[in-house]
């Protein structure tokens, strides 16, 4: 059983390397400034993010 598992693991690593899944230079996608603004609740204006003030009103 141990030899079968080792063979399966080696094949898995080999397939991942060939398909590009194991590429060490691969990084997570980077959000654009507009996406980050909208994700955080702001409104994207041309070139800047507009966020509402807290509006406490005291």
PDB file of N, CA and C in Angstrom:
ATOM      1  N   UNK A   1       0.823  -1.196   0.000  1.00  0.00           N
ATOM      2  CA  UNK A   1       0.000   0.000   0.000  1.00  0.00           C
ATOM      3  C   UNK A   1       0.863   1.254   0.000  1.00  0.00           C
ATOM      4  N   UNK A   2       1.979   1.251   0.730  1.00  0.00           N
ATOM      5  CA  UNK A   2       2.858   2.413   0.802  1.00  0.00           C
ATOM      6  C   UNK A   2       3.453   2.779  -0.546  1.00  0.00           C
ATOM      7  N   UNK A   3       3.823   1.752  -1.324  1.00  0.00           N
ATOM      8  CA  UNK A   3       4.411   2.021  -2.638  1.00  0.00           C
ATOM      9  C   UNK A   3       3.371   2.629  -3.584  1.00  0.00           C
ATOM     10  N   UNK A   4       2.133   2.181  -3.485  1.00  0.00           N
ATOM     11  CA  UNK A   4       1.057   2.716  -4.327  1.00  0.00           C
ATOM     12  C   UNK A   4       0.792   4.178  -3.982  1.00  0.00           C
ATOM     13  N   UNK A   5       0.806   4.504  -2.691  1.00  0.00           N
ATOM     14  CA  UNK A   5       0.576   5.898  -2.280  1.00  0.00           C
ATOM     15  C   UNK A   5       1.720   6.786  -2.733  1.00  0.00           C
ATOM     16  N   UNK A   6       2.948   6.309  -2.605  1.00  0.00           N
ATOM     17  CA  UNK A   6       4.106   7.094  -3.032  1.00  0.00           C
ATOM     18  C   UNK A   6       4.062   7.335  -4.532  1.00  0.00           C
ATOM     19  N   UNK A   7       3.699   6.302  -5.290  1.00  0.00           N
ATOM     20  CA  UNK A   7       3.590   6.441  -6.739  1.00  0.00           C
ATOM     21  C   UNK A   7       2.495   7.437  -7.101  1.00  0.00           C
ATOM     22  N   UNK A   8       1.369   7.360  -6.407  1.00  0.00           N
ATOM     23  CA  UNK A   8       0.263   8.293  -6.654  1.00  0.00           C
ATOM     24  C   UNK A   8       0.659   9.724  -6.349  1.00  0.00           C
ATOM     25  N   UNK A   9       1.389   9.916  -5.258  1.00  0.00           N
ATOM     26  CA  UNK A   9       1.840  11.256  -4.888  1.00  0.00           C
ATOM     27  C   UNK A   9       2.797  11.820  -5.930  1.00  0.00           C
ATOM     28  N   UNK A  10       3.742  11.000  -6.384  1.00  0.00           N
ATOM     29  CA  UNK A  10       4.699  11.445  -7.404  1.00  0.00           C
ATOM     30  C   UNK A  10       3.970  11.817  -8.683  1.00  0.00           C
ATOM     31  N   UNK A  11       2.992  11.010  -9.072  1.00  0.00           N
ATOM     32  CA  UNK A  11       2.215  11.325 -10.278  1.00  0.00           C
ATOM     33  C   UNK A  11       1.428  12.621 -10.106  1.00  0.00           C
ATOM     34  N   UNK A  12       0.860  12.832  -8.928  1.00  0.00           N
ATOM     35  CA  UNK A  12       0.110  14.057  -8.661  1.00  0.00           C
ATOM     36  C   UNK A  12       1.005  15.286  -8.774  1.00  0.00           C
ATOM     37  N   UNK A  13       2.182  15.217  -8.178  1.00  0.00           N
ATOM     38  CA  UNK A  13       3.126  16.332  -8.247  1.00  0.00           C
ATOM     39  C   UNK A  13       3.566  16.569  -9.686  1.00  0.00           C
ATOM     40  N   UNK A  14       3.815  15.496 -10.418  1.00  0.00           N
ATOM     41  CA  UNK A  14       4.236  15.616 -11.814  1.00  0.00           C
ATOM     42  C   UNK A  14       3.144  16.271 -12.662  1.00  0.00           C
ATOM     43  N   UNK A  15       1.909  15.839 -12.488  1.00  0.00           N
ATOM     44  CA  UNK A  15       0.788  16.417 -13.246  1.00  0.00           C
ATOM     45  C   UNK A  15       0.589  17.883 -12.877  1.00  0.00           C
ATOM     46  N   UNK A  16       0.707  18.215 -11.599  1.00  0.00           N
ATOM     47  CA  UNK A  16       0.547  19.608 -11.170  1.00  0.00           C
ATOM     48  C   UNK A  16       1.638  20.482 -11.778  1.00  0.00           C
ATOM     49  N   UNK A  17       2.854  19.979 -11.826  1.00  0.00           N
ATOM     50  CA  UNK A  17       3.956  20.748 -12.413  1.00  0.00           C
ATOM     51  C   UNK A  17       3.767  20.969 -13.898  1.00  0.00           C
ATOM     52  N   UNK A  18       3.310  19.939 -14.599  1.00  0.00           N
ATOM     53  CA  UNK A  18       3.108  20.044 -16.045  1.00  0.00           C
ATOM     54  C   UNK A  18       1.955  20.988 -16.367  1.00  0.00           C
ATOM     55  N   UNK A  19       0.908  20.973 -15.551  1.00  0.00           N
ATOM     56  CA  UNK A  19      -0.258  21.809 -15.836  1.00  0.00           C
ATOM     57  C   UNK A  19      -0.062  23.257 -15.413  1.00  0.00           C
ATOM     58  N   UNK A  20       1.011  23.554 -14.683  1.00  0.00           N
ATOM     59  CA  UNK A  20       1.272  24.919 -14.269  1.00  0.00           C
ATOM     60  C   UNK A  20       0.734  25.264 -12.902  1.00  0.00           C
ATOM     61  N   UNK A  21       0.103  24.313 -12.238  1.00  0.00           N
ATOM     62  CA  UNK A  21      -0.470  24.569 -10.914  1.00  0.00           C
ATOM     63  C   UNK A  21       0.605  24.763  -9.855  1.00  0.00           C
ATOM     64  N   UNK A  22       1.774  24.245 -10.089  1.00  0.00           N
ATOM     65  CA  UNK A  22       2.836  24.314  -9.089  1.00  0.00           C
ATOM     66  C   UNK A  22       3.860  25.389  -9.442  1.00  0.00           C
ATOM     67  N   UNK A  23       3.487  26.364 -10.248  1.00  0.00           N
ATOM     68  CA  UNK A  23       4.407  27.414 -10.664  1.00  0.00           C
ATOM     69  C   UNK A  23       4.717  28.331  -9.484  1.00  0.00           C
ATOM     70  N   UNK A  24       5.965  28.362  -9.010  1.00  0.00           N
ATOM     71  CA  UNK A  24       6.274  29.195  -7.849  1.00  0.00           C
ATOM     72  C   UNK A  24       6.184  30.695  -8.129  1.00  0.00           C
ATOM     73  N   UNK A  25       6.267  31.101  -9.383  1.00  0.00           N
ATOM     74  CA  UNK A  25       6.188  32.521  -9.720  1.00  0.00           C
ATOM     75  C   UNK A  25       4.743  33.009  -9.779  1.00  0.00           C
ATOM     76  N   UNK A  26       3.805  32.101  -9.678  1.00  0.00           N
ATOM     77  CA  UNK A  26       2.389  32.454  -9.766  1.00  0.00           C
ATOM     78  C   UNK A  26       1.965  33.194  -8.503  1.00  0.00           C
ATOM     79  N   UNK A  27       1.295  34.320  -8.657  1.00  0.00           N
ATOM     80  CA  UNK A  27       0.856  35.098  -7.501  1.00  0.00           C
ATOM     81  C   UNK A  27      -0.653  35.258  -7.536  1.00  0.00           C
ATOM     82  N   UNK A  28      -1.204  35.668  -6.437  1.00  0.00           N
ATOM     83  CA  UNK A  28      -2.635  35.912  -6.357  1.00  0.00           C
ATOM     84  C   UNK A  28      -2.999  37.132  -7.203  1.00  0.00           C
ATOM     85  N   UNK A  29      -4.194  37.156  -7.753  1.00  0.00           N
ATOM     86  CA  UNK A  29      -4.601  38.319  -8.533  1.00  0.00           C
ATOM     87  C   UNK A  29      -4.630  39.578  -7.672  1.00  0.00           C
ATOM     88  N   UNK A  30      -4.264  40.683  -8.270  1.00  0.00           N
ATOM     89  CA  UNK A  30      -4.219  41.952  -7.555  1.00  0.00           C
ATOM     90  C   UNK A  30      -5.461  42.756  -7.929  1.00  0.00           C
ATOM     91  N   UNK A  31      -6.128  43.289  -6.935  1.00  0.00           N
ATOM     92  CA  UNK A  31      -7.319  44.091  -7.195  1.00  0.00           C
ATOM     93  C   UNK A  31      -6.905  45.474  -7.682  1.00  0.00           C
ATOM     94  N   UNK A  32      -7.663  46.013  -8.597  1.00  0.00           N
ATOM     95  CA  UNK A  32      -7.404  47.374  -9.041  1.00  0.00           C
ATOM     96  C   UNK A  32      -7.901  48.333  -7.956  1.00  0.00           C
ATOM     97  N   UNK A  33      -7.487  49.565  -8.048  1.00  0.00           N
ATOM     98  CA  UNK A  33      -7.917  50.576  -7.085  1.00  0.00           C
ATOM     99  C   UNK A  33      -9.434  50.724  -7.121  1.00  0.00           C
ATOM    100  N   UNK A  34     -10.014  50.646  -8.314  1.00  0.00           N
ATOM    101  CA  UNK A  34     -11.465  50.767  -8.444  1.00  0.00           C
ATOM    102  C   UNK A  34     -12.167  49.600  -7.760  1.00  0.00           C
ATOM    103  N   UNK A  35     -11.673  48.378  -7.969  1.00  0.00           N
ATOM    104  CA  UNK A  35     -12.289  47.218  -7.343  1.00  0.00           C
ATOM    105  C   UNK A  35     -12.186  47.293  -5.821  1.00  0.00           C
ATOM    106  N   UNK A  36     -11.028  47.708  -5.325  1.00  0.00           N
ATOM    107  CA  UNK A  36     -10.836  47.826  -3.877  1.00  0.00           C
ATOM    108  C   UNK A  36     -11.766  48.890  -3.291  1.00  0.00           C
ATOM    109  N   UNK A  37     -11.925  50.007  -4.013  1.00  0.00           N
ATOM    110  CA  UNK A  37     -12.812  51.079  -3.565  1.00  0.00           C
ATOM    111  C   UNK A  37     -14.254  50.575  -3.457  1.00  0.00           C
ATOM    112  N   UNK A  38     -14.717  49.919  -4.509  1.00  0.00           N
ATOM    113  CA  UNK A  38     -16.095  49.443  -4.532  1.00  0.00           C
ATOM    114  C   UNK A  38     -16.308  48.336  -3.511  1.00  0.00           C
ATOM    115  N   UNK A  39     -15.309  47.488  -3.298  1.00  0.00           N
ATOM    116  CA  UNK A  39     -15.417  46.412  -2.324  1.00  0.00           C
ATOM    117  C   UNK A  39     -15.561  46.956  -0.905  1.00  0.00           C
ATOM    118  N   UNK A  40     -14.888  48.082  -0.651  1.00  0.00           N
ATOM    119  CA  UNK A  40     -14.928  48.655   0.692  1.00  0.00           C
ATOM    120  C   UNK A  40     -16.102  49.619   0.893  1.00  0.00           C
ATOM    121  N   UNK A  41     -16.984  49.728  -0.094  1.00  0.00           N
ATOM    122  CA  UNK A  41     -18.186  50.531   0.073  1.00  0.00           C
ATOM    123  C   UNK A  41     -18.094  51.941  -0.477  1.00  0.00           C
ATOM    124  N   UNK A  42     -16.997  52.270  -1.133  1.00  0.00           N
ATOM    125  CA  UNK A  42     -16.839  53.594  -1.719  1.00  0.00           C
ATOM    126  C   UNK A  42     -17.453  53.681  -3.103  1.00  0.00           C
ATOM    127  N   UNK A  43     -17.462  54.871  -3.654  1.00  0.00           N
ATOM    128  CA  UNK A  43     -17.945  55.103  -5.015  1.00  0.00           C
ATOM    129  C   UNK A  43     -16.758  55.575  -5.833  1.00  0.00           C
ATOM    130  N   UNK A  44     -16.475  54.875  -6.926  1.00  0.00           N
ATOM    131  CA  UNK A  44     -15.331  55.213  -7.765  1.00  0.00           C
ATOM    132  C   UNK A  44     -15.669  56.391  -8.656  1.00  0.00           C
ATOM    133  N   UNK A  45     -14.892  57.430  -8.539  1.00  0.00           N
ATOM    134  CA  UNK A  45     -14.974  58.590  -9.431  1.00  0.00           C
ATOM    135  C   UNK A  45     -13.744  58.526 -10.317  1.00  0.00           C
ATOM    136  N   UNK A  46     -13.692  59.290 -11.366  1.00  0.00           N
ATOM    137  CA  UNK A  46     -12.561  59.235 -12.285  1.00  0.00           C
ATOM    138  C   UNK A  46     -11.266  59.537 -11.549  1.00  0.00           C
ATOM    139  N   UNK A  47     -10.501  58.477 -11.268  1.00  0.00           N
ATOM    140  CA  UNK A  47      -9.181  58.633 -10.674  1.00  0.00           C
ATOM    141  C   UNK A  47      -9.124  58.635  -9.162  1.00  0.00           C
ATOM    142  N   UNK A  48     -10.257  58.596  -8.445  1.00  0.00           N
ATOM    143  CA  UNK A  48     -10.191  58.558  -6.986  1.00  0.00           C
ATOM    144  C   UNK A  48     -11.424  57.874  -6.414  1.00  0.00           C
ATOM    145  N   UNK A  49     -11.296  57.484  -5.155  1.00  0.00           N
ATOM    146  CA  UNK A  49     -12.377  56.792  -4.463  1.00  0.00           C
ATOM    147  C   UNK A  49     -13.064  57.767  -3.514  1.00  0.00           C
ATOM    148  N   UNK A  50     -14.368  57.864  -3.620  1.00  0.00           N
ATOM    149  CA  UNK A  50     -15.129  58.748  -2.742  1.00  0.00           C
ATOM    150  C   UNK A  50     -15.816  57.887  -1.693  1.00  0.00           C
ATOM    151  N   UNK A  51     -15.500  58.161  -0.446  1.00  0.00           N
ATOM    152  CA  UNK A  51     -16.120  57.444   0.659  1.00  0.00           C
ATOM    153  C   UNK A  51     -16.941  58.434   1.464  1.00  0.00           C
ATOM    154  N   UNK A  52     -18.103  57.995   1.895  1.00  0.00           N
ATOM    155  CA  UNK A  52     -18.940  58.892   2.683  1.00  0.00           C
ATOM    156  C   UNK A  52     -18.348  59.083   4.054  1.00  0.00           C
ATOM    157  N   UNK A  53     -18.534  60.246   4.607  1.00  0.00           N
ATOM    158  CA  UNK A  53     -18.092  60.473   5.983  1.00  0.00           C
ATOM    159  C   UNK A  53     -19.070  59.753   6.899  1.00  0.00           C
ATOM    160  N   UNK A  54     -18.691  59.569   8.125  1.00  0.00           N
ATOM    161  CA  UNK A  54     -19.547  58.843   9.069  1.00  0.00           C
ATOM    162  C   UNK A  54     -20.897  59.493   9.251  1.00  0.00           C
ATOM    163  N   UNK A  55     -20.982  60.807   9.201  1.00  0.00           N
ATOM    164  CA  UNK A  55     -22.257  61.498   9.322  1.00  0.00           C
ATOM    165  C   UNK A  55     -22.854  61.415  10.717  1.00  0.00           C
ATOM    166  N   UNK A  56     -22.030  61.567  11.747  1.00  0.00           N
ATOM    167  CA  UNK A  56     -22.532  61.482  13.123  1.00  0.00           C
ATOM    168  C   UNK A  56     -23.597  62.528  13.429  1.00  0.00           C
ATOM    169  N   UNK A  57     -23.394  63.771  13.035  1.00  0.00           N
ATOM    170  CA  UNK A  57     -24.405  64.807  13.164  1.00  0.00           C
ATOM    171  C   UNK A  57     -24.641  65.329  14.564  1.00  0.00           C
ATOM    172  N   UNK A  58     -23.750  65.179  15.488  1.00  0.00           N
ATOM    173  CA  UNK A  58     -23.965  65.695  16.850  1.00  0.00           C
ATOM    174  C   UNK A  58     -23.600  67.140  16.946  1.00  0.00           C
TER     175      UNK A  58
END
